[in-house]
Amino acid sequence: MLTYVARIWVPDRPGALVAVASRIGAVRGDVVGIEILERGGGLAIDELLIELPSPELVPLLVEEMSQVDGVDVEDVRPVATPMRDPMLDALHTAAMLVEQVSVPALLELLVDQAHRDFQADWSVVLDLEDAATLVVVGEPPAPSWLRAFVSGGRASSSVATGECGPDDVGWAHLPAAELAVVLGRRSRAFRARERRRLVALAKIANHRWAELTGRQSRTLHPSAT
């Protein structure tokens, strides 16, 4: 069996998702996971983890799901691991963040794992004071643009907490370090649940950064015991 993630827009009403699951079953697909990314305006944006016996069935899968009244299929994409679990991925990343014993290793891990977990096209840790990128994966916009973007986002509490934002960029602040982790993704929009997950990971990294830098300061201070 091959595994795919389908991102779909579904009417937020009883029975709608059951109807979609029935259509998936009609093409010999099996729903093995679901994540609700966003709700509002009478719609829900869901990601379904689907097992299919053949890649040739993907076009038929899209056609069948689209036949359900009010359903739009945003995209269907294969996944490398057979049982991808976004929440488990986030917990695994959080555990690794708190295990880091140096600031460079912490920031490298934050970018690498966020880039993988969110399947980003580019990812950076940005120094907001100097407008410099400290860690880079992929080809992000210029640091000056990134700092202006984050500064604008911080002016809105709903954007800063991850409730909303532009479709193609997600970010979160590390206030103790005056850093930001910024991700770009062109293939599909960032949704509220993904943004909140990134904010949560940044909080963990921010706390660990404060622990590491505080420990280093105590070690270097003449009065340290």
Protein backbone atom coordinates (compact mmCIF):
# COMPACT_ATOMS: atom_id res chain seq x y z
CA MET A 1 0.00 0.00 0.00
CA LEU A 2 1.17 3.52 -0.85
CA THR A 3 0.49 6.42 1.49
CA TYR A 4 -0.77 9.88 0.46
CA VAL A 5 -1.84 13.03 2.22
CA ALA A 6 -4.94 14.71 0.78
CA ARG A 7 -5.68 18.30 1.85
CA ILE A 8 -9.37 18.99 1.32
CA TRP A 9 -11.93 21.70 2.04
CA VAL A 10 -15.05 20.15 3.57
CA PRO A 11 -18.39 21.68 4.63
CA ASP A 12 -18.31 21.88 8.43
CA ARG A 13 -21.47 19.85 8.93
CA PRO A 14 -22.28 16.35 10.21
CA GLY A 15 -21.81 13.60 7.66
CA ALA A 16 -19.61 15.51 5.20
CA LEU A 17 -16.41 13.71 6.16
CA VAL A 18 -18.22 10.36 6.22
CA ALA A 19 -19.28 10.98 2.62
CA VAL A 20 -15.66 11.72 1.66
CA ALA A 21 -14.45 8.56 3.39
CA SER A 22 -17.05 6.56 1.47
CA ARG A 23 -15.73 7.94 -1.82
CA ILE A 24 -12.19 7.06 -0.79
CA GLY A 25 -13.29 3.52 -0.04
CA ALA A 26 -14.89 3.31 -3.48
CA VAL A 27 -11.40 3.51 -5.06
CA ARG A 28 -10.00 0.93 -2.61
CA GLY A 29 -8.46 3.62 -0.43
CA ASP A 30 -8.25 3.49 3.36
CA VAL A 31 -8.24 6.57 5.63
CA VAL A 32 -5.65 5.91 8.35
CA GLY A 33 -5.32 9.39 9.83
CA ILE A 34 -6.92 12.83 9.91
CA GLU A 35 -5.84 16.28 11.06
CA ILE A 36 -8.11 19.33 11.15
CA LEU A 37 -5.96 22.27 10.08
CA GLU A 38 -8.49 25.09 10.20
CA ARG A 39 -12.20 25.78 10.71
CA GLY A 40 -14.30 28.82 9.94
CA GLY A 41 -16.94 30.24 7.65
CA GLY A 42 -18.80 26.95 7.52
CA LEU A 43 -15.75 25.07 6.19
CA ALA A 44 -13.05 22.86 7.61
CA ILE A 45 -9.64 22.29 6.03
CA ASP A 46 -8.57 18.73 6.75
CA GLU A 47 -5.57 16.59 5.90
CA LEU A 48 -6.39 12.94 5.39
CA LEU A 49 -3.75 10.23 5.48
CA ILE A 50 -4.82 7.71 2.86
CA GLU A 51 -3.44 4.34 1.83
CA LEU A 52 -3.93 3.35 -1.82
CA PRO A 53 -2.94 0.10 -3.56
CA SER A 54 -1.69 1.90 -6.70
CA PRO A 55 -0.50 5.40 -7.74
CA GLU A 56 -2.68 5.12 -10.85
CA LEU A 57 -5.69 5.52 -8.56
CA VAL A 58 -4.76 9.05 -7.44
CA PRO A 59 -6.61 10.90 -10.26
CA LEU A 60 -9.70 8.78 -9.61
CA LEU A 61 -9.35 9.45 -5.87
CA VAL A 62 -9.37 13.21 -6.50
CA GLU A 63 -12.36 12.89 -8.82
CA GLU A 64 -14.34 10.82 -6.31
CA MET A 65 -13.69 13.15 -3.37
CA SER A 66 -14.58 16.17 -5.50
CA GLN A 67 -17.97 14.61 -6.23
CA VAL A 68 -19.07 15.18 -2.62
CA ASP A 69 -21.19 18.32 -2.44
CA GLY A 70 -19.15 21.30 -1.22
CA VAL A 71 -15.79 19.48 -1.17
CA ASP A 72 -12.70 20.92 -2.86
CA VAL A 73 -9.42 19.01 -3.10
CA GLU A 74 -6.47 21.35 -2.55
CA ASP A 75 -3.77 18.75 -3.22
CA VAL A 76 -2.81 15.11 -2.90
CA ARG A 77 0.83 14.25 -2.30
CA PRO A 78 2.79 11.09 -1.48
CA VAL A 79 4.54 10.75 1.87
CA ALA A 80 7.83 8.99 2.47
CA THR A 81 6.83 7.33 5.73
CA PRO A 82 3.80 5.04 5.81
CA MET A 83 2.34 6.42 9.05
CA ARG A 84 3.19 10.12 9.14
CA ASP A 85 1.82 11.69 12.33
CA PRO A 86 2.21 15.49 12.55
CA MET A 87 1.65 15.57 16.31
CA LEU A 88 4.18 12.81 16.92
CA ASP A 89 6.64 14.63 14.63
CA ALA A 90 6.18 17.79 16.70
CA LEU A 91 6.74 15.95 19.99
CA HIS A 92 9.86 14.28 18.60
CA THR A 93 11.21 17.67 17.50
CA ALA A 94 10.40 19.19 20.91
CA ALA A 95 12.27 16.39 22.68
CA MET A 96 15.35 16.93 20.52
CA LEU A 97 15.26 20.69 21.10
CA VAL A 98 15.47 20.35 24.88
CA GLU A 99 18.36 17.87 24.51
CA GLN A 100 20.65 20.35 22.74
CA VAL A 101 23.72 21.47 24.69
CA SER A 102 24.83 24.48 22.62
CA VAL A 103 23.10 27.45 21.00
CA PRO A 104 24.41 26.74 17.46
CA ALA A 105 23.23 23.14 17.67
CA LEU A 106 19.84 24.29 18.99
CA LEU A 107 19.28 26.72 16.11
CA GLU A 108 20.51 24.24 13.50
CA LEU A 109 18.13 21.61 14.81
CA LEU A 110 15.19 24.03 14.97
CA VAL A 111 15.60 24.97 11.32
CA ASP A 112 16.33 21.47 10.05
CA GLN A 113 13.41 19.88 11.88
CA ALA A 114 10.94 22.66 11.07
CA HIS A 115 11.98 22.47 7.43
CA ARG A 116 11.30 18.73 7.42
CA ASP A 117 8.16 18.67 9.59
CA PHE A 118 6.45 21.46 7.64
CA GLN A 119 7.86 20.37 4.27
CA ALA A 120 9.07 23.91 3.61
CA ASP A 121 10.82 25.17 0.48
CA TRP A 122 13.16 27.34 2.57
CA SER A 123 13.73 27.90 6.29
CA VAL A 124 15.85 30.32 8.31
CA VAL A 125 16.66 31.54 11.78
CA LEU A 126 16.79 35.33 11.53
CA ASP A 127 18.58 37.75 13.86
CA LEU A 128 16.00 40.53 14.17
CA GLU A 129 18.49 43.08 15.51
CA ASP A 130 21.10 42.72 12.77
CA ALA A 131 18.79 41.51 9.96
CA ALA A 132 21.12 38.57 9.43
CA THR A 133 20.29 34.92 8.79
CA LEU A 134 22.06 32.64 11.27
CA VAL A 135 20.92 29.29 9.83
CA VAL A 136 19.60 28.77 6.31
CA VAL A 137 18.05 25.86 4.43
CA GLY A 138 17.04 26.48 0.82
CA GLU A 139 16.89 29.90 -0.83
CA PRO A 140 14.97 32.41 1.31
CA PRO A 141 14.30 36.10 0.51
CA ALA A 142 16.85 38.73 1.56
CA PRO A 143 17.34 39.18 5.35
CA SER A 144 16.15 42.80 5.16
CA TRP A 145 12.86 41.63 3.61
CA LEU A 146 12.48 38.92 6.23
CA ARG A 147 13.02 41.37 9.09
CA ALA A 148 10.48 43.79 7.62
CA PHE A 149 8.01 40.94 7.20
CA VAL A 150 8.41 39.74 10.80
CA SER A 151 8.24 43.30 12.16
CA GLY A 152 4.95 43.81 10.37
CA GLY A 153 3.58 40.52 11.67
CA ARG A 154 4.50 41.32 15.26
CA ALA A 155 2.21 44.35 15.11
CA SER A 156 -0.82 42.02 14.95
CA SER A 157 -1.52 39.75 17.93
CA SER A 158 -3.49 37.29 15.78
CA VAL A 159 -0.58 36.97 13.34
CA ALA A 160 2.01 36.73 16.13
CA THR A 161 0.12 33.88 17.83
CA GLY A 162 -0.29 31.97 14.58
CA GLU A 163 -4.03 32.41 14.13
CA CYS A 164 -3.60 33.90 10.66
CA GLY A 165 -0.97 35.12 8.20
CA PRO A 166 0.01 34.95 4.54
CA ASP A 167 -0.40 31.62 2.80
CA ASP A 168 3.22 31.16 1.74
CA VAL A 169 5.20 32.18 4.84
CA GLY A 170 5.03 30.99 8.44
CA TRP A 171 7.09 32.40 11.30
CA ALA A 172 7.49 32.45 15.07
CA HIS A 173 9.39 34.68 17.48
CA LEU A 174 12.08 33.69 19.99
CA PRO A 175 11.87 36.78 22.23
CA ALA A 176 14.66 35.90 24.66
CA ALA A 177 17.11 35.78 21.77
CA GLU A 178 15.38 38.38 19.56
CA LEU A 179 15.38 35.79 16.80
CA ALA A 180 12.68 34.45 14.50
CA VAL A 181 12.27 31.16 12.68
CA VAL A 182 10.74 31.78 9.26
CA LEU A 183 9.54 29.17 6.75
CA GLY A 184 8.44 29.52 3.14
CA ARG A 185 6.27 27.09 1.22
CA ARG A 186 4.86 27.67 -2.27
CA SER A 187 3.21 24.30 -2.85
CA ARG A 188 0.34 24.74 -0.38
CA ALA A 189 -0.82 27.30 2.14
CA PHE A 190 0.14 27.37 5.79
CA ARG A 191 -2.94 26.85 7.94
CA ALA A 192 -3.76 27.96 11.48
CA ARG A 193 -2.95 24.63 13.14
CA GLU A 194 0.45 24.51 11.43
CA ARG A 195 1.21 28.09 12.44
CA ARG A 196 0.30 27.39 16.07
CA ARG A 197 2.49 24.29 16.03
CA LEU A 198 5.44 26.36 14.78
CA VAL A 199 4.81 28.97 17.51
CA ALA A 200 4.84 26.18 20.13
CA LEU A 201 8.15 24.79 18.85
CA ALA A 202 9.65 28.29 18.88
CA LYS A 203 8.60 28.70 22.53
CA ILE A 204 10.42 25.50 23.43
CA ALA A 205 13.53 26.61 21.51
CA ASN A 206 13.31 30.06 23.15
CA HIS A 207 13.20 28.53 26.63
CA ARG A 208 16.14 26.24 25.85
CA TRP A 209 18.10 29.18 24.41
CA ALA A 210 17.56 31.09 27.67
CA GLU A 211 18.73 28.08 29.68
CA LEU A 212 21.87 27.63 27.59
CA THR A 213 22.87 31.28 27.53
CA GLY A 214 22.12 31.66 31.25
CA ARG A 215 24.28 28.65 32.07
CA GLN A 216 27.09 30.01 29.90
CA SER A 217 26.92 33.40 31.64
CA ARG A 218 27.09 31.79 35.07
CA THR A 219 30.06 29.69 33.98
CA LEU A 220 31.96 32.72 32.68
CA HIS A 221 31.15 35.03 35.60
CA PRO A 222 34.00 35.37 38.17
CA SER A 223 31.59 34.69 41.05
CA ALA A 224 30.37 31.40 39.56
CA THR A 225 30.78 28.44 41.87
